[in-house]
Each structure stands twice: as structure tokens, then as C-alpha cells.
Amino acid sequence: MVRDAEHVVSDGRPNASHLDGCGFHLLSTRGNRQNARAKSHVLSNRWRDTITAVSRAAEDGFIVLHIGEKIAEILRPAKLTYESFGTDPSRNYFRLEVAPTEALGIKGALDEEGIRETLTELAPGTYVPYHHWDNNEYDDAPLPETARPIGRYLRGSFVFFGTRSVYNLNPGTYDARHDKVTEEDFRQYIERNARHHASRGA
């Protein structure tokens, strides 16, 4: 699923691989959107939702995580890691690390943690303050059909689990614990839980 010879670099673990640079086309969902929803639930440090598609953004080196028809999250990817534990496949996941990015400097856009800018995108790569989305206007004119609300991430990480996975169905994981520990600590946490449930026959 993730083993593209041009992009995958093994880190020595038998069930892990990661993709650097431009290998993120492997996240793209193709064909039936319902099938995509069944497989791609994403958790960031601010929200969790279901990804319907992934595409390249207008900003060089950025990608777009589409949430429904109009809402999107934009980020510059640093590394995509796939983890598989050889027990219950529903515990397998992707971890997407955000490359450090400079804020655009749009007034009121940056959150208190300095992680995400909330914006209105008028057209691909053209951003204005978010309140224009609420007011459905910019420069005394209605917003164009291309307009949409977006979040632009400056740092942090995302994890992708199946919508029916144990991790996703546990409301306690809404605390974004994956972004509060290192990549390796989170992998060990999931592996411990996978082995524990496997030993109980769960």
C-alpha cells in the first residue's frame, strides 16, 4: 500500500516505513468517496474528521486535506510514516508530520499556540481573514464560487486511522495525544495496546 520504491525509506523495523519529500500522492483517495471515508479518519492536534480526498495545494510543496466539499486543511508535509503491528490491522495507521512553516501574517488568523492559521481562501493560494467567509463578502462583493474556509498548519502532526478502528472509537483519544509525545513514543503506545488486546484474544 505504501511501498513506492522511489519514496520509501526503511528505518529498520520490519513493519514500518516512511515517505519523504513528494511521496504524499499515495494518500490520494481514488474512485468511490464512500470507500475513502471508511478508511481515512484523521486526527490533528486541533480536530478529528474524515478525509474525503487529498490533493496538491497552490502553494509550492503544500498539500490539501479535503473535508467534505468546501472545508480543507493545508500543510507542507515533512514525512509520512506507516505503522503496522501484525495483529489487528485496524490498529495500523499513518502519521503525517508537518514541516515548519512561516505564518502569513494575516491579522487574527494565527491561534494562540502558533500552530494553525484560520483563513478564507478566495482562490487557490489567495488568502484573506476568516471573517469574510462568515460575512460571505470581500471587497464589497460576494465571495467567488472558489472561496472556502481553510486551516493552514505551521507545525504539528496528524495521524490517520480507519473510521472503525479501536483508536478512533475511543473518545479518550480526542485529546490529541499523538501530538503530545514523540513519534516513537506514540508508536510504542499503540503497539503495547495492540499486543495487550491480542493476548486477551480481543
Protein backbone atom coordinates (compact mmCIF):
# COMPACT_ATOMS: atom_id res chain seq x y z
CA MET A 1 0.00 0.00 0.00
CA VAL A 2 2.77 2.45 0.83
CA ARG A 3 5.75 0.73 -0.72
CA ASP A 4 6.74 3.00 -3.58
CA ALA A 5 10.37 2.25 -4.41
CA GLU A 6 11.14 5.86 -5.23
CA HIS A 7 9.99 7.23 -1.88
CA VAL A 8 10.01 4.61 0.86
CA VAL A 9 12.94 4.51 3.26
CA SER A 10 13.07 1.68 5.80
CA ASP A 11 14.04 2.58 9.34
CA GLY A 12 14.96 -0.97 10.29
CA ARG A 13 11.64 -2.03 11.81
CA PRO A 14 10.00 -4.89 9.89
CA ASN A 15 6.54 -3.34 9.80
CA ALA A 16 7.34 0.34 9.40
CA SER A 17 8.28 2.61 6.54
CA HIS A 18 8.25 6.30 5.86
CA LEU A 19 7.97 8.53 2.83
CA ASP A 20 9.89 11.77 2.47
CA GLY A 21 9.57 14.65 0.05
CA CYS A 22 6.95 14.33 -2.66
CA GLY A 23 5.71 10.81 -1.91
CA PHE A 24 2.43 12.02 -0.47
CA HIS A 25 0.47 11.26 -3.64
CA LEU A 26 0.00 7.85 -2.02
CA LEU A 27 -2.54 9.40 0.33
CA SER A 28 -4.81 10.36 -2.54
CA THR A 29 -8.22 8.73 -2.49
CA ARG A 30 -9.46 7.48 -5.83
CA GLY A 31 -12.83 6.22 -7.02
CA ASN A 32 -15.77 5.87 -4.69
CA ARG A 33 -15.82 8.55 -1.98
CA GLN A 34 -17.75 6.35 0.42
CA ASN A 35 -14.88 3.87 0.39
CA ALA A 36 -12.46 6.69 1.09
CA ARG A 37 -14.47 7.74 4.13
CA ALA A 38 -14.38 4.22 5.51
CA LYS A 39 -10.61 4.17 5.56
CA SER A 40 -9.30 7.64 6.30
CA HIS A 41 -10.19 9.26 9.59
CA VAL A 42 -7.65 11.90 10.59
CA LEU A 43 -6.72 13.36 13.94
CA SER A 44 -4.68 16.54 14.27
CA ASN A 45 -3.80 18.47 17.39
CA ARG A 46 -6.98 20.51 16.97
CA TRP A 47 -9.70 18.35 15.45
CA ARG A 48 -10.70 14.98 14.10
CA ASP A 49 -12.65 14.41 10.96
CA THR A 50 -12.97 12.25 7.87
CA ILE A 51 -10.80 12.97 4.86
CA THR A 52 -12.59 12.70 1.51
CA ALA A 53 -9.62 13.48 -0.74
CA VAL A 54 -6.03 14.73 -0.81
CA SER A 55 -4.59 17.00 -3.49
CA ARG A 56 -1.70 19.33 -4.20
CA ALA A 57 -2.13 22.89 -2.95
CA ALA A 58 -1.41 26.08 -4.87
CA GLU A 59 1.46 26.89 -2.51
CA ASP A 60 4.62 25.14 -3.61
CA GLY A 61 5.28 21.97 -1.60
CA PHE A 62 1.91 22.03 0.19
CA ILE A 63 -0.94 19.52 0.14
CA VAL A 64 -4.66 19.86 0.83
CA LEU A 65 -6.63 17.53 3.09
CA HIS A 66 -10.24 17.84 1.91
CA ILE A 67 -13.03 17.54 4.47
CA GLY A 68 -16.26 17.44 2.54
CA GLU A 69 -16.87 19.69 -0.44
CA LYS A 70 -15.77 23.07 0.91
CA ILE A 71 -13.62 22.71 4.04
CA ALA A 72 -9.89 21.99 3.79
CA GLU A 73 -6.68 21.86 5.79
CA ILE A 74 -3.46 22.93 4.09
CA LEU A 75 0.07 22.00 5.17
CA ARG A 76 3.60 21.41 3.95
CA PRO A 77 4.42 17.73 4.61
CA ALA A 78 7.76 16.69 6.05
CA LYS A 79 7.33 12.93 6.48
CA LEU A 80 4.64 10.30 6.17
CA THR A 81 5.12 7.18 8.30
CA TYR A 82 3.13 3.97 8.05
CA GLU A 83 2.99 1.66 11.08
CA SER A 84 1.75 -1.94 11.05
CA PHE A 85 1.81 -4.23 14.09
CA GLY A 86 0.97 -7.61 12.61
CA THR A 87 -2.02 -8.20 14.89
CA ASP A 88 -5.28 -6.34 14.37
CA PRO A 89 -4.95 -4.35 11.11
CA SER A 90 -7.40 -1.77 12.41
CA ARG A 91 -4.58 -0.55 14.67
CA ASN A 92 -2.34 0.28 11.72
CA TYR A 93 -2.01 3.97 10.98
CA PHE A 94 -0.27 6.71 9.05
CA ARG A 95 1.45 9.61 10.78
CA LEU A 96 1.91 12.81 8.81
CA GLU A 97 4.44 15.31 10.14
CA VAL A 98 4.04 18.98 9.22
CA ALA A 99 7.16 20.80 8.02
CA PRO A 100 7.82 24.05 9.94
CA THR A 101 6.17 26.87 8.03
CA GLU A 102 6.13 30.65 8.40
CA ALA A 103 2.84 32.34 9.21
CA LEU A 104 1.36 34.58 6.52
CA GLY A 105 0.93 37.46 8.95
CA ILE A 106 -2.78 37.96 8.26
CA LYS A 107 -4.33 39.74 11.23
CA GLY A 108 -6.28 37.48 13.60
CA ALA A 109 -5.50 34.29 11.69
CA LEU A 110 -2.93 32.63 13.97
CA ASP A 111 -4.11 30.65 17.01
CA GLU A 112 -2.63 31.17 20.47
CA GLU A 113 -0.39 28.11 20.17
CA GLY A 114 1.13 29.27 16.91
CA ILE A 115 0.12 26.04 15.18
CA ARG A 116 -2.66 26.93 12.76
CA GLU A 117 -3.96 29.89 10.79
CA THR A 118 -7.71 30.06 10.17
CA LEU A 119 -8.37 31.77 6.85
CA THR A 120 -10.68 32.22 3.90
CA GLU A 121 -9.17 31.14 0.60
CA LEU A 122 -10.68 33.21 -2.22
CA ALA A 123 -8.94 31.25 -4.96
CA PRO A 124 -6.11 28.71 -4.78
CA GLY A 125 -3.29 30.33 -2.83
CA THR A 126 -5.10 33.64 -2.21
CA TYR A 127 -5.94 34.12 1.49
CA VAL A 128 -7.87 36.75 3.43
CA PRO A 129 -9.11 36.90 7.05
CA TYR A 130 -11.62 34.24 8.03
CA HIS A 131 -14.45 36.68 8.85
CA HIS A 132 -15.00 37.20 5.13
CA TRP A 133 -16.31 33.64 4.98
CA ASP A 134 -18.82 34.32 7.74
CA ASN A 135 -19.93 37.52 6.01
CA ASN A 136 -19.89 35.99 2.52
CA GLU A 137 -18.18 39.05 1.09
CA TYR A 138 -14.80 40.50 0.21
CA ASP A 139 -14.06 43.98 -1.13
CA ASP A 140 -17.79 44.82 -1.16
CA ALA A 141 -18.63 41.86 -3.39
CA PRO A 142 -19.97 38.35 -2.73
CA LEU A 143 -17.36 35.66 -2.35
CA PRO A 144 -16.50 33.77 -5.54
CA GLU A 145 -17.54 30.15 -6.00
CA THR A 146 -13.91 29.14 -5.42
CA ALA A 147 -13.91 30.53 -1.87
CA ARG A 148 -13.66 28.17 1.10
CA PRO A 149 -12.64 28.19 4.78
CA ILE A 150 -9.25 26.63 5.41
CA GLY A 151 -6.81 25.86 8.18
CA ARG A 152 -3.14 26.40 7.31
CA TYR A 153 -0.82 24.41 9.57
CA LEU A 154 2.60 25.71 10.59
CA ARG A 155 3.75 22.72 12.63
CA GLY A 156 2.44 19.61 14.41
CA SER A 157 1.38 16.19 13.18
CA PHE A 158 -1.64 14.19 12.04
CA VAL A 159 -2.50 10.52 12.43
CA PHE A 160 -4.78 8.58 10.09
CA PHE A 161 -6.76 5.62 11.45
CA GLY A 162 -9.65 3.68 9.97
CA THR A 163 -13.04 5.05 10.96
CA ARG A 164 -13.89 1.75 12.70
CA SER A 165 -10.53 1.36 14.39
CA VAL A 166 -10.26 0.83 18.15
CA TYR A 167 -8.30 4.07 18.48
CA ASN A 168 -10.86 6.14 16.63
CA LEU A 169 -13.82 4.69 18.51
CA ASN A 170 -12.25 5.52 21.87
CA PRO A 171 -13.47 9.02 22.87
CA GLY A 172 -10.47 9.39 25.16
CA THR A 173 -8.18 9.76 22.16
CA TYR A 174 -9.79 13.09 21.30
CA ASP A 175 -7.09 14.67 23.49
CA ALA A 176 -4.64 14.64 20.54
CA ARG A 177 -2.17 12.51 22.49
CA HIS A 178 -0.30 11.67 19.29
CA ASP A 179 0.90 15.27 19.08
CA LYS A 180 1.96 15.48 22.73
CA VAL A 181 4.62 12.76 22.52
CA THR A 182 7.36 11.82 20.09
CA GLU A 183 6.72 9.73 17.00
CA GLU A 184 8.44 6.73 18.58
CA ASP A 185 6.61 7.08 21.92
CA PHE A 186 3.26 7.10 20.13
CA ARG A 187 4.19 4.03 18.07
CA GLN A 188 5.16 2.16 21.24
CA TYR A 189 1.89 3.22 22.90
CA ILE A 190 -0.18 1.79 20.03
CA GLU A 191 1.97 -1.35 19.88
CA ARG A 192 1.54 -2.00 23.62
CA ASN A 193 -2.20 -1.73 23.28
CA ALA A 194 -2.23 -3.97 20.21
CA ARG A 195 -0.23 -6.67 21.96
CA HIS A 196 -2.33 -6.38 25.11
CA HIS A 197 -5.59 -6.90 23.23
CA ALA A 198 -4.08 -9.68 21.11
CA SER A 199 -3.03 -11.55 24.27
CA ARG A 200 -6.60 -11.33 25.56
CA GLY A 201 -7.99 -12.54 22.25
CA ALA A 202 -9.63 -9.18 21.62
